[in-house]
Amino acid sequence: MELIYQYLTGPRFKHRVEAIVEKFSDMRADLERERRTMMRLWAKREAQINGVIDSTVGMYGDLQGIAGRALQEIEGLDVPLLEKGDQEDDF
């Protein structure tokens, strides 16, 4: 019991616990950096996808203006489906 008490109240135990706390703090900081990086990459990718969708819908709309009803409907490019997809992201 005396040896355990001396160890727990001595500097070696304190240094070990401080080292553990420091490693946990380092791990938390790394995780936060990784989270910010991933969020930035996801936001960039989302903007790219939205840009491609917007350009495709715009081009299809231009072609509908030129060809009228002769242009066949393309599934996924009609307004109700696109609006429904946008609403699903809100949940």
PDB file of N, CA and C in Angstrom:
ATOM      1  N   MET A   1       0.822  -1.192   0.000  1.00  0.00           N
ATOM      2  CA  MET A   1       0.000   0.000   0.000  1.00  0.00           C
ATOM      3  C   MET A   1       0.870   1.261   0.000  1.00  0.00           C
ATOM      4  N   GLU A   2       1.938   1.194   0.759  1.00  0.00           N
ATOM      5  CA  GLU A   2       2.823   2.345   0.837  1.00  0.00           C
ATOM      6  C   GLU A   2       3.445   2.665  -0.517  1.00  0.00           C
ATOM      7  N   LEU A   3       3.845   1.622  -1.271  1.00  0.00           N
ATOM      8  CA  LEU A   3       4.439   1.824  -2.589  1.00  0.00           C
ATOM      9  C   LEU A   3       3.433   2.434  -3.570  1.00  0.00           C
ATOM     10  N   ILE A   4       2.215   1.950  -3.500  1.00  0.00           N
ATOM     11  CA  ILE A   4       1.165   2.499  -4.381  1.00  0.00           C
ATOM     12  C   ILE A   4       0.914   3.968  -4.037  1.00  0.00           C
ATOM     13  N   TYR A   5       0.837   4.260  -2.746  1.00  0.00           N
ATOM     14  CA  TYR A   5       0.615   5.651  -2.324  1.00  0.00           C
ATOM     15  C   TYR A   5       1.755   6.552  -2.800  1.00  0.00           C
ATOM     16  N   GLN A   6       2.985   6.100  -2.642  1.00  0.00           N
ATOM     17  CA  GLN A   6       4.136   6.896  -3.080  1.00  0.00           C
ATOM     18  C   GLN A   6       4.101   7.112  -4.600  1.00  0.00           C
ATOM     19  N   TYR A   7       3.722   6.066  -5.331  1.00  0.00           N
ATOM     20  CA  TYR A   7       3.643   6.197  -6.792  1.00  0.00           C
ATOM     21  C   TYR A   7       2.555   7.199  -7.186  1.00  0.00           C
ATOM     22  N   LEU A   8       1.357   7.054  -6.584  1.00  0.00           N
ATOM     23  CA  LEU A   8       0.233   7.927  -6.932  1.00  0.00           C
ATOM     24  C   LEU A   8       0.467   9.374  -6.533  1.00  0.00           C
ATOM     25  N   THR A   9       1.215   9.609  -5.516  1.00  0.00           N
ATOM     26  CA  THR A   9       1.453  10.978  -5.067  1.00  0.00           C
ATOM     27  C   THR A   9       2.779  11.535  -5.579  1.00  0.00           C
ATOM     28  N   GLY A  10       3.523  10.736  -6.315  1.00  0.00           N
ATOM     29  CA  GLY A  10       4.820  11.166  -6.818  1.00  0.00           C
ATOM     30  C   GLY A  10       4.750  11.766  -8.218  1.00  0.00           C
ATOM     31  N   PRO A  11       5.862  12.269  -8.688  1.00  0.00           N
ATOM     32  CA  PRO A  11       5.907  12.939  -9.996  1.00  0.00           C
ATOM     33  C   PRO A  11       5.748  11.994 -11.188  1.00  0.00           C
ATOM     34  N   ARG A  12       6.159  10.726 -11.055  1.00  0.00           N
ATOM     35  CA  ARG A  12       6.056   9.798 -12.196  1.00  0.00           C
ATOM     36  C   ARG A  12       4.604   9.589 -12.614  1.00  0.00           C
ATOM     37  N   PHE A  13       3.719   9.407 -11.639  1.00  0.00           N
ATOM     38  CA  PHE A  13       2.305   9.213 -11.944  1.00  0.00           C
ATOM     39  C   PHE A  13       1.734  10.470 -12.612  1.00  0.00           C
ATOM     40  N   LYS A  14       2.071  11.623 -12.053  1.00  0.00           N
ATOM     41  CA  LYS A  14       1.590  12.885 -12.614  1.00  0.00           C
ATOM     42  C   LYS A  14       2.047  13.033 -14.067  1.00  0.00           C
ATOM     43  N   HIS A  15       3.306  12.724 -14.337  1.00  0.00           N
ATOM     44  CA  HIS A  15       3.835  12.855 -15.697  1.00  0.00           C
ATOM     45  C   HIS A  15       3.151  11.884 -16.654  1.00  0.00           C
ATOM     46  N   ARG A  16       2.872  10.690 -16.196  1.00  0.00           N
ATOM     47  CA  ARG A  16       2.183   9.713 -17.057  1.00  0.00           C
ATOM     48  C   ARG A  16       0.771  10.187 -17.410  1.00  0.00           C
ATOM     49  N   VAL A  17       0.043  10.672 -16.414  1.00  0.00           N
ATOM     50  CA  VAL A  17      -1.321  11.157 -16.661  1.00  0.00           C
ATOM     51  C   VAL A  17      -1.274  12.383 -17.582  1.00  0.00           C
ATOM     52  N   GLU A  18      -0.337  13.274 -17.374  1.00  0.00           N
ATOM     53  CA  GLU A  18      -0.206  14.440 -18.252  1.00  0.00           C
ATOM     54  C   GLU A  18       0.088  14.015 -19.690  1.00  0.00           C
ATOM     55  N   ALA A  19       0.926  12.985 -19.847  1.00  0.00           N
ATOM     56  CA  ALA A  19       1.232  12.493 -21.196  1.00  0.00           C
ATOM     57  C   ALA A  19      -0.012  11.921 -21.862  1.00  0.00           C
ATOM     58  N   ILE A  20      -0.834  11.216 -21.094  1.00  0.00           N
ATOM     59  CA  ILE A  20      -2.082  10.665 -21.642  1.00  0.00           C
ATOM     60  C   ILE A  20      -3.016  11.791 -22.064  1.00  0.00           C
ATOM     61  N   VAL A  21      -3.174  12.783 -21.204  1.00  0.00           N
ATOM     62  CA  VAL A  21      -4.048  13.925 -21.514  1.00  0.00           C
ATOM     63  C   VAL A  21      -3.541  14.665 -22.745  1.00  0.00           C
ATOM     64  N   GLU A  22      -2.235  14.821 -22.854  1.00  0.00           N
ATOM     65  CA  GLU A  22      -1.659  15.498 -24.018  1.00  0.00           C
ATOM     66  C   GLU A  22      -1.957  14.734 -25.308  1.00  0.00           C
ATOM     67  N   LYS A  23      -1.843  13.414 -25.266  1.00  0.00           N
ATOM     68  CA  LYS A  23      -2.129  12.606 -26.456  1.00  0.00           C
ATOM     69  C   LYS A  23      -3.607  12.711 -26.847  1.00  0.00           C
ATOM     70  N   PHE A  24      -4.498  12.695 -25.851  1.00  0.00           N
ATOM     71  CA  PHE A  24      -5.917  12.868 -26.155  1.00  0.00           C
ATOM     72  C   PHE A  24      -6.178  14.231 -26.776  1.00  0.00           C
ATOM     73  N   SER A  25      -5.528  15.255 -26.274  1.00  0.00           N
ATOM     74  CA  SER A  25      -5.694  16.601 -26.839  1.00  0.00           C
ATOM     75  C   SER A  25      -5.187  16.652 -28.275  1.00  0.00           C
ATOM     76  N   ASP A  26      -4.048  16.007 -28.527  1.00  0.00           N
ATOM     77  CA  ASP A  26      -3.516  15.939 -29.893  1.00  0.00           C
ATOM     78  C   ASP A  26      -4.486  15.213 -30.821  1.00  0.00           C
ATOM     79  N   MET A  27      -5.037  14.106 -30.333  1.00  0.00           N
ATOM     80  CA  MET A  27      -5.987  13.345 -31.144  1.00  0.00           C
ATOM     81  C   MET A  27      -7.226  14.172 -31.461  1.00  0.00           C
ATOM     82  N   ARG A  28      -7.720  14.922 -30.467  1.00  0.00           N
ATOM     83  CA  ARG A  28      -8.910  15.766 -30.685  1.00  0.00           C
ATOM     84  C   ARG A  28      -8.605  16.853 -31.716  1.00  0.00           C
ATOM     85  N   ALA A  29      -7.450  17.460 -31.616  1.00  0.00           N
ATOM     86  CA  ALA A  29      -7.067  18.508 -32.567  1.00  0.00           C
ATOM     87  C   ALA A  29      -6.956  17.938 -33.980  1.00  0.00           C
ATOM     88  N   ASP A  30      -6.349  16.757 -34.108  1.00  0.00           N
ATOM     89  CA  ASP A  30      -6.255  16.100 -35.417  1.00  0.00           C
ATOM     90  C   ASP A  30      -7.632  15.804 -35.981  1.00  0.00           C
ATOM     91  N   LEU A  31      -8.520  15.302 -35.131  1.00  0.00           N
ATOM     92  CA  LEU A  31      -9.872  14.989 -35.579  1.00  0.00           C
ATOM     93  C   LEU A  31     -10.599  16.238 -36.052  1.00  0.00           C
ATOM     94  N   GLU A  32     -10.473  17.322 -35.342  1.00  0.00           N
ATOM     95  CA  GLU A  32     -11.119  18.578 -35.748  1.00  0.00           C
ATOM     96  C   GLU A  32     -10.561  19.092 -37.070  1.00  0.00           C
ATOM     97  N   ARG A  33      -9.237  18.977 -37.253  1.00  0.00           N
ATOM     98  CA  ARG A  33      -8.631  19.386 -38.534  1.00  0.00           C
ATOM     99  C   ARG A  33      -9.170  18.521 -39.671  1.00  0.00           C
ATOM    100  N   GLU A  34      -9.241  17.211 -39.427  1.00  0.00           N
ATOM    101  CA  GLU A  34      -9.764  16.307 -40.454  1.00  0.00           C
ATOM    102  C   GLU A  34     -11.215  16.623 -40.767  1.00  0.00           C
ATOM    103  N   ARG A  35     -12.019  16.932 -39.733  1.00  0.00           N
ATOM    104  CA  ARG A  35     -13.435  17.261 -39.933  1.00  0.00           C
ATOM    105  C   ARG A  35     -13.572  18.525 -40.791  1.00  0.00           C
ATOM    106  N   ARG A  36     -12.799  19.554 -40.485  1.00  0.00           N
ATOM    107  CA  ARG A  36     -12.862  20.798 -41.268  1.00  0.00           C
ATOM    108  C   ARG A  36     -12.434  20.551 -42.714  1.00  0.00           C
ATOM    109  N   THR A  37     -11.400  19.744 -42.899  1.00  0.00           N
ATOM    110  CA  THR A  37     -10.927  19.436 -44.243  1.00  0.00           C
ATOM    111  C   THR A  37     -12.005  18.697 -45.030  1.00  0.00           C
ATOM    112  N   MET A  38     -12.625  17.688 -44.419  1.00  0.00           N
ATOM    113  CA  MET A  38     -13.655  16.919 -45.110  1.00  0.00           C
ATOM    114  C   MET A  38     -14.878  17.792 -45.424  1.00  0.00           C
ATOM    115  N   MET A  39     -15.254  18.644 -44.492  1.00  0.00           N
ATOM    116  CA  MET A  39     -16.399  19.520 -44.748  1.00  0.00           C
ATOM    117  C   MET A  39     -16.113  20.459 -45.915  1.00  0.00           C
ATOM    118  N   ARG A  40     -14.886  20.959 -45.982  1.00  0.00           N
ATOM    119  CA  ARG A  40     -14.502  21.843 -47.092  1.00  0.00           C
ATOM    120  C   ARG A  40     -14.542  21.077 -48.409  1.00  0.00           C
ATOM    121  N   LEU A  41     -14.006  19.842 -48.410  1.00  0.00           N
ATOM    122  CA  LEU A  41     -14.011  19.034 -49.632  1.00  0.00           C
ATOM    123  C   LEU A  41     -15.423  18.667 -50.053  1.00  0.00           C
ATOM    124  N   TRP A  42     -16.279  18.312 -49.085  1.00  0.00           N
ATOM    125  CA  TRP A  42     -17.658  17.967 -49.416  1.00  0.00           C
ATOM    126  C   TRP A  42     -18.399  19.175 -49.975  1.00  0.00           C
ATOM    127  N   ALA A  43     -18.177  20.345 -49.391  1.00  0.00           N
ATOM    128  CA  ALA A  43     -18.831  21.554 -49.892  1.00  0.00           C
ATOM    129  C   ALA A  43     -18.376  21.853 -51.317  1.00  0.00           C
ATOM    130  N   LYS A  44     -17.094  21.671 -51.582  1.00  0.00           N
ATOM    131  CA  LYS A  44     -16.570  21.893 -52.932  1.00  0.00           C
ATOM    132  C   LYS A  44     -17.199  20.916 -53.911  1.00  0.00           C
ATOM    133  N   ARG A  45     -17.257  19.640 -53.536  1.00  0.00           N
ATOM    134  CA  ARG A  45     -17.831  18.618 -54.410  1.00  0.00           C
ATOM    135  C   ARG A  45     -19.319  18.880 -54.651  1.00  0.00           C
ATOM    136  N   GLU A  46     -20.033  19.299 -53.598  1.00  0.00           N
ATOM    137  CA  GLU A  46     -21.454  19.612 -53.737  1.00  0.00           C
ATOM    138  C   GLU A  46     -21.659  20.772 -54.705  1.00  0.00           C
ATOM    139  N   ALA A  47     -20.815  21.782 -54.618  1.00  0.00           N
ATOM    140  CA  ALA A  47     -20.910  22.920 -55.537  1.00  0.00           C
ATOM    141  C   ALA A  47     -20.635  22.478 -56.970  1.00  0.00           C
ATOM    142  N   GLN A  48     -19.678  21.582 -57.160  1.00  0.00           N
ATOM    143  CA  GLN A  48     -19.381  21.073 -58.501  1.00  0.00           C
ATOM    144  C   GLN A  48     -20.577  20.309 -59.057  1.00  0.00           C
ATOM    145  N   ILE A  49     -21.166  19.448 -58.242  1.00  0.00           N
ATOM    146  CA  ILE A  49     -22.324  18.663 -58.694  1.00  0.00           C
ATOM    147  C   ILE A  49     -23.483  19.583 -59.026  1.00  0.00           C
ATOM    148  N   ASN A  50     -23.744  20.559 -58.160  1.00  0.00           N
ATOM    149  CA  ASN A  50     -24.835  21.504 -58.427  1.00  0.00           C
ATOM    150  C   ASN A  50     -24.580  22.300 -59.704  1.00  0.00           C
ATOM    151  N   GLY A  51     -23.334  22.656 -59.956  1.00  0.00           N
ATOM    152  CA  GLY A  51     -22.998  23.367 -61.187  1.00  0.00           C
ATOM    153  C   GLY A  51     -23.260  22.524 -62.419  1.00  0.00           C
ATOM    154  N   VAL A  52     -22.904  21.254 -62.367  1.00  0.00           N
ATOM    155  CA  VAL A  52     -23.152  20.358 -63.501  1.00  0.00           C
ATOM    156  C   VAL A  52     -24.651  20.180 -63.719  1.00  0.00           C
ATOM    157  N   ILE A  53     -25.391  19.988 -62.628  1.00  0.00           N
ATOM    158  CA  ILE A  53     -26.852  19.835 -62.750  1.00  0.00           C
ATOM    159  C   ILE A  53     -27.468  21.103 -63.332  1.00  0.00           C
ATOM    160  N   ASP A  54     -27.084  22.265 -62.817  1.00  0.00           N
ATOM    161  CA  ASP A  54     -27.629  23.534 -63.316  1.00  0.00           C
ATOM    162  C   ASP A  54     -27.314  23.726 -64.801  1.00  0.00           C
ATOM    163  N   SER A  55     -26.092  23.412 -65.193  1.00  0.00           N
ATOM    164  CA  SER A  55     -25.710  23.562 -66.601  1.00  0.00           C
ATOM    165  C   SER A  55     -26.485  22.606 -67.495  1.00  0.00           C
ATOM    166  N   THR A  56     -26.670  21.391 -67.026  1.00  0.00           N
ATOM    167  CA  THR A  56     -27.403  20.394 -67.812  1.00  0.00           C
ATOM    168  C   THR A  56     -28.866  20.789 -67.967  1.00  0.00           C
ATOM    169  N   VAL A  57     -29.472  21.215 -66.864  1.00  0.00           N
ATOM    170  CA  VAL A  57     -30.874  21.645 -66.916  1.00  0.00           C
ATOM    171  C   VAL A  57     -31.005  22.877 -67.813  1.00  0.00           C
ATOM    172  N   GLY A  58     -30.072  23.799 -67.717  1.00  0.00           N
ATOM    173  CA  GLY A  58     -30.115  24.989 -68.570  1.00  0.00           C
ATOM    174  C   GLY A  58     -29.985  24.641 -70.039  1.00  0.00           C
ATOM    175  N   MET A  59     -29.063  23.739 -70.372  1.00  0.00           N
ATOM    176  CA  MET A  59     -28.885  23.324 -71.756  1.00  0.00           C
ATOM    177  C   MET A  59     -30.139  22.622 -72.268  1.00  0.00           C
ATOM    178  N   TYR A  60     -30.724  21.768 -71.430  1.00  0.00           N
ATOM    179  CA  TYR A  60     -31.942  21.064 -71.821  1.00  0.00           C
ATOM    180  C   TYR A  60     -33.085  22.057 -72.044  1.00  0.00           C
ATOM    181  N   GLY A  61     -33.167  23.068 -71.165  1.00  0.00           N
ATOM    182  CA  GLY A  61     -34.189  24.102 -71.336  1.00  0.00           C
ATOM    183  C   GLY A  61     -33.985  24.879 -72.628  1.00  0.00           C
ATOM    184  N   ASP A  62     -32.736  25.190 -72.960  1.00  0.00           N
ATOM    185  CA  ASP A  62     -32.450  25.874 -74.222  1.00  0.00           C
ATOM    186  C   ASP A  62     -32.913  25.031 -75.409  1.00  0.00           C
ATOM    187  N   LEU A  63     -32.597  23.743 -75.341  1.00  0.00           N
ATOM    188  CA  LEU A  63     -32.989  22.845 -76.434  1.00  0.00           C
ATOM    189  C   LEU A  63     -34.498  22.696 -76.523  1.00  0.00           C
ATOM    190  N   GLN A  64     -35.180  22.691 -75.371  1.00  0.00           N
ATOM    191  CA  GLN A  64     -36.644  22.644 -75.401  1.00  0.00           C
ATOM    192  C   GLN A  64     -37.205  23.904 -76.047  1.00  0.00           C
ATOM    193  N   GLY A  65     -36.561  25.033 -75.789  1.00  0.00           N
ATOM    194  CA  GLY A  65     -37.004  26.283 -76.411  1.00  0.00           C
ATOM    195  C   GLY A  65     -36.837  26.254 -77.920  1.00  0.00           C
ATOM    196  N   ILE A  66     -35.815  25.552 -78.397  1.00  0.00           N
ATOM    197  CA  ILE A  66     -35.562  25.462 -79.837  1.00  0.00           C
ATOM    198  C   ILE A  66     -36.439  24.393 -80.478  1.00  0.00           C
ATOM    199  N   ALA A  67     -36.441  23.193 -79.881  1.00  0.00           N
ATOM    200  CA  ALA A  67     -37.111  22.045 -80.505  1.00  0.00           C
ATOM    201  C   ALA A  67     -38.556  21.892 -80.065  1.00  0.00           C
ATOM    202  N   GLY A  68     -38.934  22.507 -78.975  1.00  0.00           N
ATOM    203  CA  GLY A  68     -40.305  22.394 -78.493  1.00  0.00           C
ATOM    204  C   GLY A  68     -40.635  20.972 -78.071  1.00  0.00           C
ATOM    205  N   ARG A  69     -41.854  20.555 -78.399  1.00  0.00           N
ATOM    206  CA  ARG A  69     -42.342  19.229 -78.000  1.00  0.00           C
ATOM    207  C   ARG A  69     -41.626  18.096 -78.730  1.00  0.00           C
ATOM    208  N   ALA A  70     -40.895  18.418 -79.785  1.00  0.00           N
ATOM    209  CA  ALA A  70     -40.189  17.374 -80.535  1.00  0.00           C
ATOM    210  C   ALA A  70     -39.069  16.762 -79.679  1.00  0.00           C
ATOM    211  N   LEU A  71     -38.587  17.518 -78.719  1.00  0.00           N
ATOM    212  CA  LEU A  71     -37.531  17.019 -77.842  1.00  0.00           C
ATOM    213  C   LEU A  71     -38.153  16.103 -76.794  1.00  0.00           C
ATOM    214  N   GLN A  72     -37.664  14.900 -76.726  1.00  0.00           N
ATOM    215  CA  GLN A  72     -38.221  13.931 -75.781  1.00  0.00           C
ATOM    216  C   GLN A  72     -37.874  14.326 -74.350  1.00  0.00           C
ATOM    217  N   GLU A  73     -38.812  13.988 -73.453  1.00  0.00           N
ATOM    218  CA  GLU A  73     -38.581  14.246 -72.034  1.00  0.00           C
ATOM    219  C   GLU A  73     -37.445  13.351 -71.543  1.00  0.00           C
ATOM    220  N   ILE A  74     -36.628  13.886 -70.702  1.00  0.00           N
ATOM    221  CA  ILE A  74     -35.538  13.119 -70.104  1.00  0.00           C
ATOM    222  C   ILE A  74     -35.842  12.965 -68.619  1.00  0.00           C
ATOM    223  N   GLU A  75     -35.952  11.717 -68.198  1.00  0.00           N
ATOM    224  CA  GLU A  75     -36.264  11.438 -66.802  1.00  0.00           C
ATOM    225  C   GLU A  75     -35.175  12.027 -65.909  1.00  0.00           C
ATOM    226  N   GLY A  76     -35.609  12.706 -64.854  1.00  0.00           N
ATOM    227  CA  GLY A  76     -34.664  13.318 -63.932  1.00  0.00           C
ATOM    228  C   GLY A  76     -34.424  14.790 -64.208  1.00  0.00           C
ATOM    229  N   LEU A  77     -34.791  15.247 -65.395  1.00  0.00           N
ATOM    230  CA  LEU A  77     -34.612  16.658 -65.722  1.00  0.00           C
ATOM    231  C   LEU A  77     -35.913  17.436 -65.671  1.00  0.00           C
ATOM    232  N   ASP A  78     -37.017  16.746 -65.383  1.00  0.00           N
ATOM    233  CA  ASP A  78     -38.255  17.500 -65.268  1.00  0.00           C
ATOM    234  C   ASP A  78     -38.295  18.186 -63.912  1.00  0.00           C
ATOM    235  N   VAL A  79     -38.948  19.309 -63.841  1.00  0.00           N
ATOM    236  CA  VAL A  79     -38.932  20.179 -62.666  1.00  0.00           C
ATOM    237  C   VAL A  79     -39.416  19.479 -61.397  1.00  0.00           C
ATOM    238  N   PRO A  80     -40.530  18.743 -61.406  1.00  0.00           N
ATOM    239  CA  PRO A  80     -40.993  18.137 -60.149  1.00  0.00           C
ATOM    240  C   PRO A  80     -39.956  17.192 -59.521  1.00  0.00           C
ATOM    241  N   LEU A  81     -39.273  16.405 -60.327  1.00  0.00           N
ATOM    242  CA  LEU A  81     -38.287  15.485 -59.764  1.00  0.00           C
ATOM    243  C   LEU A  81     -37.107  16.239 -59.163  1.00  0.00           C
ATOM    244  N   LEU A  82     -36.666  17.306 -59.832  1.00  0.00           N
ATOM    245  CA  LEU A  82     -35.550  18.074 -59.309  1.00  0.00           C
ATOM    246  C   LEU A  82     -35.937  18.765 -57.998  1.00  0.00           C
ATOM    247  N   GLU A  83     -37.155  19.325 -57.952  1.00  0.00           N
ATOM    248  CA  GLU A  83     -37.598  19.991 -56.729  1.00  0.00           C
ATOM    249  C   GLU A  83     -37.748  18.990 -55.598  1.00  0.00           C
ATOM    250  N   LYS A  84     -38.242  17.791 -55.881  1.00  0.00           N
ATOM    251  CA  LYS A  84     -38.385  16.763 -54.864  1.00  0.00           C
ATOM    252  C   LYS A  84     -37.014  16.369 -54.318  1.00  0.00           C
ATOM    253  N   GLY A  85     -36.026  16.234 -55.184  1.00  0.00           N
ATOM    254  CA  GLY A  85     -34.675  15.904 -54.752  1.00  0.00           C
ATOM    255  C   GLY A  85     -34.097  16.960 -53.854  1.00  0.00           C
ATOM    256  N   ASP A  86     -34.382  18.237 -54.153  1.00  0.00           N
ATOM    257  CA  ASP A  86     -33.887  19.327 -53.325  1.00  0.00           C
ATOM    258  C   ASP A  86     -34.522  19.301 -51.947  1.00  0.00           C
ATOM    259  N   GLN A  87     -35.820  18.957 -51.865  1.00  0.00           N
ATOM    260  CA  GLN A  87     -36.517  18.910 -50.589  1.00  0.00           C
ATOM    261  C   GLN A  87     -35.990  17.786 -49.715  1.00  0.00           C
ATOM    262  N   GLU A  88     -35.579  16.673 -50.313  1.00  0.00           N
ATOM    263  CA  GLU A  88     -35.055  15.551 -49.534  1.00  0.00           C
ATOM    264  C   GLU A  88     -33.788  15.938 -48.808  1.00  0.00           C
ATOM    265  N   ASP A  89     -33.006  16.853 -49.373  1.00  0.00           N
ATOM    266  CA  ASP A  89     -31.778  17.292 -48.734  1.00  0.00           C
ATOM    267  C   ASP A  89     -32.064  18.097 -47.463  1.00  0.00           C
ATOM    268  N   ASP A  90     -33.264  18.679 -47.365  1.00  0.00           N
ATOM    269  CA  ASP A  90     -33.599  19.503 -46.221  1.00  0.00           C
ATOM    270  C   ASP A  90     -33.853  18.676 -44.976  1.00  0.00           C
ATOM    271  N   PHE A  91     -34.096  17.373 -45.121  1.00  0.00           N
ATOM    272  CA  PHE A  91     -34.440  16.544 -43.959  1.00  0.00           C
ATOM    273  C   PHE A  91     -33.270  15.899 -43.356  1.00  0.00           C
TER     274      PHE A  91
END
